[in-house]
Amino acid sequence: MIETGIGCSYYEWRSLCNYLAGDYRILLYHRQGYGKSTESTRPRDTSSIAIELHELLLSLEVQAPFTLLGHSYGGLCAQHFTRLFPQLVKRLILVDSTSIDFMTLYELGTPVLNSYISLDQMIAANEVRGTKSQAELTKEVPSHPDGEMKDFLTSPLLYRTMGEEFSLWEQNS
């Protein structure tokens, strides 16, 4: 099971999964608000994401315990899932995971770094993109050879979801 980062698609994990497929069963999914998934009525916090993942696993009758991999923000979600459902997780793998102490980065007094990772800027940019049409987003997103990835990156729902995830990031960590 792979929990992706904010704005990331499981499409980006396919080559690794193809490599591992001979030895492992791998479940890739887009959390609600990503890809072709539906919009959630729940807040886009790690608790809701963990509960939705649990509901998905129950509906698919996934056998536990399993290995859960969390990338970036997905690492926070995977940690929250593991705290809520420890009996289901055999191993937790964190790949470039957001730290539960990530706000200490802002306290280091590094203005250049802070200008690149400003939560306020990320929230605002995604809120603006979330109001645009798919056609407008298509003009902004660099062309991508994979049609699925292009569709993923030109969904207004993706950006609204990302904006909400970013707005709850500090609370989640």
N, C-alpha and C. Protein backbone atom coordinates (compact mmCIF):
# COMPACT_ATOMS: atom_id res chain seq x y z
N MET A 1 0.86 -1.17 0.00
CA MET A 1 0.00 0.00 0.00
C MET A 1 0.90 1.22 0.00
N ILE A 2 0.62 2.15 -0.90
CA ILE A 2 1.41 3.38 -0.99
C ILE A 2 0.50 4.58 -0.80
N GLU A 3 0.86 5.44 0.15
CA GLU A 3 0.16 6.70 0.42
C GLU A 3 1.05 7.81 -0.14
N THR A 4 0.59 8.47 -1.19
CA THR A 4 1.41 9.47 -1.90
C THR A 4 1.40 10.82 -1.21
N GLY A 5 2.31 11.67 -1.64
CA GLY A 5 2.42 13.02 -1.10
C GLY A 5 1.37 13.95 -1.69
N ILE A 6 1.34 15.17 -1.19
CA ILE A 6 0.40 16.18 -1.69
C ILE A 6 0.70 16.43 -3.16
N GLY A 7 -0.34 16.32 -3.96
CA GLY A 7 -0.21 16.59 -5.39
C GLY A 7 0.44 15.48 -6.18
N CYS A 8 0.75 14.37 -5.55
CA CYS A 8 1.40 13.26 -6.24
C CYS A 8 0.37 12.21 -6.66
N SER A 9 0.67 11.57 -7.73
CA SER A 9 -0.20 10.51 -8.25
C SER A 9 0.47 9.16 -8.09
N TYR A 10 -0.34 8.14 -8.02
CA TYR A 10 0.24 6.80 -8.00
C TYR A 10 0.89 6.47 -9.33
N TYR A 11 0.55 7.20 -10.38
CA TYR A 11 1.20 6.97 -11.67
C TYR A 11 2.72 7.12 -11.55
N GLU A 12 3.16 7.99 -10.66
CA GLU A 12 4.58 8.23 -10.48
C GLU A 12 5.29 7.05 -9.81
N TRP A 13 4.53 6.13 -9.27
CA TRP A 13 5.10 4.97 -8.57
C TRP A 13 5.05 3.70 -9.41
N ARG A 14 4.49 3.77 -10.61
CA ARG A 14 4.29 2.55 -11.41
C ARG A 14 5.58 1.81 -11.74
N SER A 15 6.64 2.51 -12.09
CA SER A 15 7.87 1.79 -12.48
C SER A 15 8.43 1.00 -11.29
N LEU A 16 8.42 1.59 -10.09
CA LEU A 16 8.86 0.86 -8.91
C LEU A 16 7.94 -0.34 -8.65
N CYS A 17 6.66 -0.12 -8.77
CA CYS A 17 5.70 -1.20 -8.52
C CYS A 17 5.85 -2.32 -9.54
N ASN A 18 6.10 -1.98 -10.79
CA ASN A 18 6.33 -3.01 -11.81
C ASN A 18 7.57 -3.83 -11.46
N TYR A 19 8.59 -3.17 -10.94
CA TYR A 19 9.81 -3.85 -10.53
C TYR A 19 9.54 -4.82 -9.37
N LEU A 20 8.72 -4.40 -8.42
CA LEU A 20 8.45 -5.20 -7.23
C LEU A 20 7.32 -6.22 -7.41
N ALA A 21 6.56 -6.10 -8.48
CA ALA A 21 5.35 -6.90 -8.66
C ALA A 21 5.59 -8.40 -8.67
N GLY A 22 6.76 -8.83 -9.05
CA GLY A 22 7.04 -10.26 -9.05
C GLY A 22 7.10 -10.87 -7.66
N ASP A 23 7.41 -10.03 -6.68
CA ASP A 23 7.57 -10.52 -5.31
C ASP A 23 6.50 -10.04 -4.34
N TYR A 24 5.78 -8.98 -4.73
CA TYR A 24 4.83 -8.36 -3.80
C TYR A 24 3.52 -8.02 -4.50
N ARG A 25 2.45 -8.04 -3.72
CA ARG A 25 1.18 -7.47 -4.18
C ARG A 25 1.16 -6.03 -3.70
N ILE A 26 0.85 -5.12 -4.59
CA ILE A 26 0.91 -3.70 -4.26
C ILE A 26 -0.44 -3.06 -4.58
N LEU A 27 -0.92 -2.27 -3.64
CA LEU A 27 -2.17 -1.55 -3.83
C LEU A 27 -1.84 -0.07 -3.98
N LEU A 28 -2.18 0.47 -5.14
CA LEU A 28 -2.04 1.89 -5.41
C LEU A 28 -3.43 2.49 -5.50
N TYR A 29 -3.59 3.67 -4.94
CA TYR A 29 -4.88 4.32 -5.02
C TYR A 29 -4.69 5.82 -4.96
N HIS A 30 -5.68 6.54 -5.42
CA HIS A 30 -5.72 7.99 -5.24
C HIS A 30 -6.68 8.28 -4.11
N ARG A 31 -6.19 9.00 -3.10
CA ARG A 31 -7.11 9.35 -2.01
C ARG A 31 -8.17 10.30 -2.56
N GLN A 32 -9.23 10.47 -1.81
CA GLN A 32 -10.35 11.26 -2.28
C GLN A 32 -9.90 12.68 -2.64
N GLY A 33 -10.38 13.13 -3.80
CA GLY A 33 -10.00 14.43 -4.33
C GLY A 33 -8.85 14.35 -5.33
N TYR A 34 -8.24 13.18 -5.48
CA TYR A 34 -7.12 12.97 -6.39
C TYR A 34 -7.55 12.05 -7.53
N GLY A 35 -6.98 12.28 -8.71
CA GLY A 35 -7.23 11.40 -9.84
C GLY A 35 -8.70 11.31 -10.17
N LYS A 36 -9.17 10.10 -10.37
CA LYS A 36 -10.58 9.88 -10.72
C LYS A 36 -11.44 9.61 -9.50
N SER A 37 -10.87 9.78 -8.31
CA SER A 37 -11.64 9.55 -7.10
C SER A 37 -12.62 10.69 -6.88
N THR A 38 -13.57 10.45 -6.03
CA THR A 38 -14.59 11.46 -5.76
C THR A 38 -14.11 12.46 -4.71
N GLU A 39 -14.82 13.54 -4.63
CA GLU A 39 -14.53 14.55 -3.60
C GLU A 39 -15.06 14.04 -2.27
N SER A 40 -14.31 14.29 -1.23
CA SER A 40 -14.72 13.84 0.09
C SER A 40 -15.56 14.90 0.78
N THR A 41 -16.46 14.45 1.63
CA THR A 41 -17.23 15.38 2.46
C THR A 41 -16.50 15.63 3.79
N ARG A 42 -15.45 14.87 4.03
CA ARG A 42 -14.66 15.01 5.26
C ARG A 42 -13.55 16.03 5.05
N PRO A 43 -13.06 16.62 6.14
CA PRO A 43 -11.91 17.51 6.01
C PRO A 43 -10.71 16.74 5.46
N ARG A 44 -9.82 17.41 4.78
CA ARG A 44 -8.65 16.74 4.19
C ARG A 44 -7.49 16.72 5.18
N ASP A 45 -7.77 16.21 6.37
CA ASP A 45 -6.74 16.06 7.38
C ASP A 45 -6.29 14.60 7.43
N THR A 46 -5.20 14.34 8.12
CA THR A 46 -4.64 12.99 8.14
C THR A 46 -5.57 11.99 8.81
N SER A 47 -6.35 12.44 9.75
CA SER A 47 -7.31 11.54 10.40
C SER A 47 -8.36 11.05 9.42
N SER A 48 -8.95 11.98 8.68
CA SER A 48 -9.96 11.60 7.68
C SER A 48 -9.37 10.71 6.61
N ILE A 49 -8.16 11.06 6.16
CA ILE A 49 -7.51 10.26 5.12
C ILE A 49 -7.24 8.84 5.63
N ALA A 50 -6.81 8.72 6.88
CA ALA A 50 -6.56 7.40 7.47
C ALA A 50 -7.86 6.59 7.57
N ILE A 51 -8.92 7.23 7.98
CA ILE A 51 -10.21 6.53 8.11
C ILE A 51 -10.71 6.11 6.73
N GLU A 52 -10.57 6.98 5.74
CA GLU A 52 -11.00 6.63 4.38
C GLU A 52 -10.18 5.48 3.82
N LEU A 53 -8.87 5.47 4.10
CA LEU A 53 -8.04 4.35 3.67
C LEU A 53 -8.50 3.06 4.35
N HIS A 54 -8.80 3.13 5.62
CA HIS A 54 -9.28 1.95 6.34
C HIS A 54 -10.58 1.43 5.71
N GLU A 55 -11.49 2.33 5.39
CA GLU A 55 -12.75 1.94 4.75
C GLU A 55 -12.49 1.28 3.40
N LEU A 56 -11.54 1.82 2.63
CA LEU A 56 -11.19 1.23 1.34
C LEU A 56 -10.63 -0.18 1.53
N LEU A 57 -9.72 -0.34 2.47
CA LEU A 57 -9.12 -1.65 2.72
C LEU A 57 -10.16 -2.68 3.15
N LEU A 58 -11.12 -2.25 3.97
CA LEU A 58 -12.20 -3.15 4.37
C LEU A 58 -13.05 -3.55 3.17
N SER A 59 -13.37 -2.58 2.32
CA SER A 59 -14.22 -2.88 1.16
C SER A 59 -13.52 -3.80 0.17
N LEU A 60 -12.19 -3.70 0.08
CA LEU A 60 -11.42 -4.56 -0.81
C LEU A 60 -10.99 -5.86 -0.16
N GLU A 61 -11.29 -5.99 1.14
CA GLU A 61 -10.93 -7.18 1.92
C GLU A 61 -9.42 -7.47 1.85
N VAL A 62 -8.63 -6.42 2.03
CA VAL A 62 -7.17 -6.56 2.02
C VAL A 62 -6.74 -7.27 3.29
N GLN A 63 -5.88 -8.26 3.12
CA GLN A 63 -5.41 -9.04 4.25
C GLN A 63 -4.36 -8.27 5.03
N ALA A 64 -4.50 -8.30 6.32
CA ALA A 64 -3.53 -7.63 7.21
C ALA A 64 -2.76 -8.72 7.94
N PRO A 65 -1.61 -8.40 8.46
CA PRO A 65 -0.96 -7.09 8.39
C PRO A 65 -0.25 -6.92 7.05
N PHE A 66 -0.02 -5.66 6.68
CA PHE A 66 0.62 -5.33 5.42
C PHE A 66 1.65 -4.24 5.64
N THR A 67 2.44 -4.00 4.62
CA THR A 67 3.43 -2.92 4.64
C THR A 67 2.77 -1.67 4.08
N LEU A 68 2.94 -0.58 4.79
CA LEU A 68 2.39 0.71 4.36
C LEU A 68 3.55 1.66 4.11
N LEU A 69 3.59 2.21 2.90
CA LEU A 69 4.64 3.15 2.54
C LEU A 69 4.01 4.54 2.42
N GLY A 70 4.60 5.52 3.07
CA GLY A 70 4.12 6.89 2.99
C GLY A 70 5.19 7.81 2.45
N HIS A 71 4.84 8.56 1.41
CA HIS A 71 5.78 9.50 0.79
C HIS A 71 5.38 10.93 1.12
N SER A 72 6.32 11.72 1.60
CA SER A 72 6.12 13.14 1.87
C SER A 72 4.92 13.33 2.81
N TYR A 73 3.93 14.11 2.41
CA TYR A 73 2.74 14.29 3.24
C TYR A 73 2.03 12.96 3.48
N GLY A 74 2.12 12.06 2.51
CA GLY A 74 1.56 10.73 2.68
C GLY A 74 2.20 9.99 3.85
N GLY A 75 3.43 10.40 4.21
CA GLY A 75 4.08 9.84 5.39
C GLY A 75 3.34 10.21 6.67
N LEU A 76 2.86 11.47 6.74
CA LEU A 76 2.05 11.87 7.90
C LEU A 76 0.75 11.06 7.94
N CYS A 77 0.15 10.89 6.75
CA CYS A 77 -1.10 10.11 6.68
C CYS A 77 -0.85 8.66 7.10
N ALA A 78 0.26 8.09 6.63
CA ALA A 78 0.60 6.70 6.97
C ALA A 78 0.88 6.55 8.47
N GLN A 79 1.55 7.55 9.06
CA GLN A 79 1.81 7.50 10.50
C GLN A 79 0.49 7.57 11.27
N HIS A 80 -0.43 8.42 10.83
CA HIS A 80 -1.72 8.54 11.50
C HIS A 80 -2.50 7.23 11.37
N PHE A 81 -2.49 6.64 10.16
CA PHE A 81 -3.16 5.35 9.96
C PHE A 81 -2.59 4.31 10.91
N THR A 82 -1.27 4.26 11.04
CA THR A 82 -0.61 3.27 11.89
C THR A 82 -0.97 3.47 13.35
N ARG A 83 -1.11 4.72 13.78
CA ARG A 83 -1.52 4.98 15.17
C ARG A 83 -2.97 4.54 15.40
N LEU A 84 -3.84 4.75 14.40
CA LEU A 84 -5.25 4.37 14.56
C LEU A 84 -5.47 2.87 14.43
N PHE A 85 -4.71 2.23 13.54
CA PHE A 85 -4.93 0.81 13.23
C PHE A 85 -3.61 0.02 13.28
N PRO A 86 -2.94 0.01 14.43
CA PRO A 86 -1.62 -0.63 14.51
C PRO A 86 -1.64 -2.12 14.19
N GLN A 87 -2.74 -2.77 14.43
CA GLN A 87 -2.83 -4.21 14.18
C GLN A 87 -2.82 -4.53 12.69
N LEU A 88 -3.07 -3.53 11.84
CA LEU A 88 -3.11 -3.78 10.40
C LEU A 88 -1.76 -3.59 9.71
N VAL A 89 -0.84 -2.92 10.38
CA VAL A 89 0.43 -2.54 9.74
C VAL A 89 1.57 -3.40 10.27
N LYS A 90 2.15 -4.17 9.36
CA LYS A 90 3.31 -4.99 9.71
C LYS A 90 4.57 -4.14 9.69
N ARG A 91 4.71 -3.32 8.64
CA ARG A 91 5.85 -2.42 8.49
C ARG A 91 5.37 -1.07 8.01
N LEU A 92 6.01 -0.03 8.49
CA LEU A 92 5.75 1.33 8.02
C LEU A 92 7.04 1.84 7.41
N ILE A 93 6.98 2.19 6.13
CA ILE A 93 8.14 2.72 5.42
C ILE A 93 7.85 4.18 5.10
N LEU A 94 8.75 5.07 5.51
CA LEU A 94 8.59 6.49 5.24
C LEU A 94 9.65 6.92 4.23
N VAL A 95 9.20 7.49 3.11
CA VAL A 95 10.08 7.94 2.05
C VAL A 95 9.99 9.46 1.97
N ASP A 96 11.07 10.14 2.35
CA ASP A 96 11.10 11.60 2.34
C ASP A 96 9.84 12.15 3.01
N SER A 97 9.51 11.55 4.13
CA SER A 97 8.28 11.88 4.83
C SER A 97 8.35 13.23 5.52
N THR A 98 7.20 13.88 5.55
CA THR A 98 7.08 15.09 6.36
C THR A 98 7.24 14.69 7.81
N SER A 99 8.04 15.42 8.52
CA SER A 99 8.26 15.16 9.93
C SER A 99 7.08 15.69 10.74
N ILE A 100 6.82 15.05 11.85
CA ILE A 100 5.79 15.58 12.75
C ILE A 100 6.25 16.90 13.35
N ASP A 101 7.54 17.19 13.23
CA ASP A 101 8.11 18.45 13.73
C ASP A 101 8.46 19.40 12.58
N PHE A 102 7.76 19.30 11.45
CA PHE A 102 8.17 20.07 10.28
C PHE A 102 8.12 21.57 10.49
N MET A 103 7.32 22.05 11.41
CA MET A 103 7.23 23.50 11.61
C MET A 103 8.53 24.08 12.16
N THR A 104 9.40 23.23 12.70
CA THR A 104 10.69 23.75 13.18
C THR A 104 11.53 24.28 12.02
N LEU A 105 11.26 23.83 10.78
CA LEU A 105 11.97 24.37 9.62
C LEU A 105 11.74 25.88 9.51
N TYR A 106 10.54 26.32 9.83
CA TYR A 106 10.21 27.74 9.73
C TYR A 106 10.88 28.55 10.84
N GLU A 107 11.29 27.89 11.90
CA GLU A 107 11.89 28.58 13.04
C GLU A 107 13.41 28.68 12.92
N LEU A 108 13.99 28.16 11.84
CA LEU A 108 15.44 28.16 11.68
C LEU A 108 15.98 29.51 11.21
N GLY A 109 15.11 30.42 10.82
CA GLY A 109 15.57 31.73 10.37
C GLY A 109 16.27 31.67 9.02
N THR A 110 15.72 30.89 8.11
CA THR A 110 16.28 30.77 6.76
C THR A 110 15.30 31.36 5.76
N PRO A 111 15.40 32.65 5.48
CA PRO A 111 14.40 33.32 4.64
C PRO A 111 14.29 32.75 3.23
N VAL A 112 15.40 32.31 2.63
CA VAL A 112 15.32 31.76 1.28
C VAL A 112 14.54 30.45 1.31
N LEU A 113 14.89 29.56 2.24
CA LEU A 113 14.16 28.30 2.37
C LEU A 113 12.69 28.58 2.66
N ASN A 114 12.43 29.47 3.59
CA ASN A 114 11.03 29.78 3.94
C ASN A 114 10.26 30.33 2.76
N SER A 115 10.91 31.06 1.87
CA SER A 115 10.20 31.60 0.70
C SER A 115 9.79 30.48 -0.26
N TYR A 116 10.54 29.38 -0.27
CA TYR A 116 10.21 28.26 -1.14
C TYR A 116 9.16 27.33 -0.53
N ILE A 117 9.04 27.29 0.77
CA ILE A 117 8.12 26.34 1.40
C ILE A 117 7.04 27.06 2.21
N SER A 118 6.70 28.26 1.81
CA SER A 118 5.69 29.02 2.52
C SER A 118 4.33 28.34 2.38
N LEU A 119 3.77 27.91 3.50
CA LEU A 119 2.45 27.29 3.46
C LEU A 119 1.41 28.26 2.93
N ASP A 120 1.50 29.51 3.33
CA ASP A 120 0.52 30.49 2.84
C ASP A 120 0.54 30.59 1.32
N GLN A 121 1.73 30.59 0.73
CA GLN A 121 1.84 30.65 -0.73
C GLN A 121 1.29 29.39 -1.38
N MET A 122 1.58 28.23 -0.80
CA MET A 122 1.09 26.98 -1.36
C MET A 122 -0.44 26.89 -1.28
N ILE A 123 -1.00 27.34 -0.16
CA ILE A 123 -2.46 27.33 0.00
C ILE A 123 -3.08 28.26 -1.03
N ALA A 124 -2.57 29.48 -1.12
CA ALA A 124 -3.13 30.48 -2.03
C ALA A 124 -3.04 30.02 -3.49
N ALA A 125 -1.89 29.50 -3.89
CA ALA A 125 -1.71 29.06 -5.27
C ALA A 125 -2.68 27.94 -5.63
N ASN A 126 -2.89 27.01 -4.71
CA ASN A 126 -3.81 25.91 -4.99
C ASN A 126 -5.26 26.35 -4.95
N GLU A 127 -5.58 27.29 -4.10
CA GLU A 127 -6.96 27.82 -4.09
C GLU A 127 -7.27 28.49 -5.42
N VAL A 128 -6.32 29.25 -5.96
CA VAL A 128 -6.53 29.91 -7.26
C VAL A 128 -6.68 28.86 -8.35
N ARG A 129 -5.79 27.89 -8.39
CA ARG A 129 -5.88 26.84 -9.42
C ARG A 129 -7.18 26.04 -9.29
N GLY A 130 -7.66 25.88 -8.08
CA GLY A 130 -8.89 25.12 -7.85
C GLY A 130 -10.13 25.80 -8.42
N THR A 131 -10.03 27.08 -8.74
CA THR A 131 -11.18 27.80 -9.33
C THR A 131 -11.14 27.80 -10.85
N LYS A 132 -10.06 27.29 -11.43
CA LYS A 132 -9.91 27.31 -12.88
C LYS A 132 -10.55 26.08 -13.52
N SER A 133 -10.83 26.20 -14.79
CA SER A 133 -11.38 25.07 -15.54
C SER A 133 -10.24 24.13 -15.95
N GLN A 134 -10.62 22.94 -16.38
CA GLN A 134 -9.61 21.99 -16.84
C GLN A 134 -8.88 22.55 -18.05
N ALA A 135 -9.59 23.25 -18.93
CA ALA A 135 -8.95 23.85 -20.10
C ALA A 135 -7.92 24.90 -19.69
N GLU A 136 -8.25 25.73 -18.71
CA GLU A 136 -7.30 26.74 -18.23
C GLU A 136 -6.08 26.08 -17.60
N LEU A 137 -6.31 25.03 -16.82
CA LEU A 137 -5.19 24.33 -16.18
C LEU A 137 -4.30 23.64 -17.21
N THR A 138 -4.89 23.16 -18.29
CA THR A 138 -4.12 22.50 -19.34
C THR A 138 -3.08 23.46 -19.92
N LYS A 139 -3.42 24.73 -20.01
CA LYS A 139 -2.47 25.73 -20.53
C LYS A 139 -1.32 25.98 -19.55
N GLU A 140 -1.56 25.78 -18.26
CA GLU A 140 -0.55 26.05 -17.24
C GLU A 140 0.37 24.87 -16.97
N VAL A 141 -0.15 23.67 -17.15
CA VAL A 141 0.61 22.46 -16.82
C VAL A 141 1.48 22.09 -18.01
N PRO A 142 2.76 21.89 -17.79
CA PRO A 142 3.63 21.48 -18.90
C PRO A 142 3.12 20.20 -19.54
N SER A 143 3.31 20.08 -20.83
CA SER A 143 2.83 18.88 -21.51
C SER A 143 3.52 17.66 -20.90
N HIS A 144 2.78 16.60 -20.84
CA HIS A 144 3.27 15.36 -20.25
C HIS A 144 2.93 14.23 -21.21
N PRO A 145 3.86 13.34 -21.47
CA PRO A 145 3.59 12.28 -22.45
C PRO A 145 2.48 11.33 -22.03
N ASP A 146 2.23 11.22 -20.76
CA ASP A 146 1.23 10.28 -20.23
C ASP A 146 -0.11 10.99 -20.11
N GLY A 147 -1.09 10.57 -20.89
CA GLY A 147 -2.41 11.19 -20.85
C GLY A 147 -3.06 11.12 -19.48
N GLU A 148 -2.85 10.01 -18.76
CA GLU A 148 -3.42 9.89 -17.42
C GLU A 148 -2.84 10.95 -16.49
N MET A 149 -1.54 11.17 -16.58
CA MET A 149 -0.90 12.16 -15.72
C MET A 149 -1.37 13.57 -16.08
N LYS A 150 -1.56 13.83 -17.36
CA LYS A 150 -2.06 15.14 -17.78
C LYS A 150 -3.46 15.35 -17.22
N ASP A 151 -4.31 14.35 -17.31
CA ASP A 151 -5.66 14.45 -16.74
C ASP A 151 -5.59 14.69 -15.24
N PHE A 152 -4.68 13.99 -14.59
CA PHE A 152 -4.51 14.14 -13.14
C PHE A 152 -4.16 15.59 -12.80
N LEU A 153 -3.19 16.14 -13.52
CA LEU A 153 -2.66 17.48 -13.20
C LEU A 153 -3.56 18.62 -13.64
N THR A 154 -4.60 18.33 -14.41
CA THR A 154 -5.48 19.40 -14.88
C THR A 154 -6.87 19.33 -14.24
N SER A 155 -6.97 18.67 -13.11
CA SER A 155 -8.24 18.58 -12.39
C SER A 155 -8.35 19.70 -11.36
N PRO A 156 -9.33 20.58 -11.49
CA PRO A 156 -9.53 21.61 -10.47
C PRO A 156 -9.73 21.02 -9.07
N LEU A 157 -10.40 19.86 -8.98
CA LEU A 157 -10.63 19.21 -7.69
C LEU A 157 -9.30 18.88 -7.02
N LEU A 158 -8.30 18.45 -7.79
CA LEU A 158 -6.98 18.15 -7.22
C LEU A 158 -6.45 19.37 -6.48
N TYR A 159 -6.53 20.54 -7.09
CA TYR A 159 -5.95 21.74 -6.48
C TYR A 159 -6.77 22.23 -5.29
N ARG A 160 -8.07 22.06 -5.34
CA ARG A 160 -8.88 22.41 -4.16
C ARG A 160 -8.51 21.48 -2.99
N THR A 161 -8.35 20.20 -3.30
CA THR A 161 -7.98 19.22 -2.27
C THR A 161 -6.59 19.53 -1.71
N MET A 162 -5.64 19.82 -2.60
CA MET A 162 -4.30 20.15 -2.15
C MET A 162 -4.30 21.40 -1.28
N GLY A 163 -5.08 22.41 -1.67
CA GLY A 163 -5.17 23.62 -0.86
C GLY A 163 -5.66 23.33 0.54
N GLU A 164 -6.65 22.45 0.64
CA GLU A 164 -7.16 22.10 1.97
C GLU A 164 -6.15 21.27 2.75
N GLU A 165 -5.47 20.34 2.07
CA GLU A 165 -4.44 19.55 2.76
C GLU A 165 -3.33 20.46 3.29
N PHE A 166 -2.87 21.41 2.45
CA PHE A 166 -1.85 22.35 2.91
C PHE A 166 -2.36 23.20 4.08
N SER A 167 -3.63 23.61 4.04
CA SER A 167 -4.14 24.46 5.11
C SER A 167 -4.24 23.73 6.44
N LEU A 168 -4.32 22.40 6.40
CA LEU A 168 -4.41 21.59 7.62
C LEU A 168 -3.08 20.94 8.00
N TRP A 169 -2.04 21.19 7.22
CA TRP A 169 -0.75 20.53 7.39
C TRP A 169 -0.15 20.79 8.78
N GLU A 170 -0.13 22.03 9.20
CA GLU A 170 0.46 22.32 10.50
C GLU A 170 -0.31 21.62 11.61
N GLN A 171 -1.63 21.65 11.56
CA GLN A 171 -2.47 20.97 12.55
C GLN A 171 -2.19 19.46 12.53
N ASN A 172 -2.01 18.89 11.33
CA ASN A 172 -1.78 17.45 11.21
C ASN A 172 -0.44 17.01 11.78
N SER A 173 0.55 17.87 11.67
CA SER A 173 1.87 17.46 12.15
C SER A 173 1.96 17.65 13.65
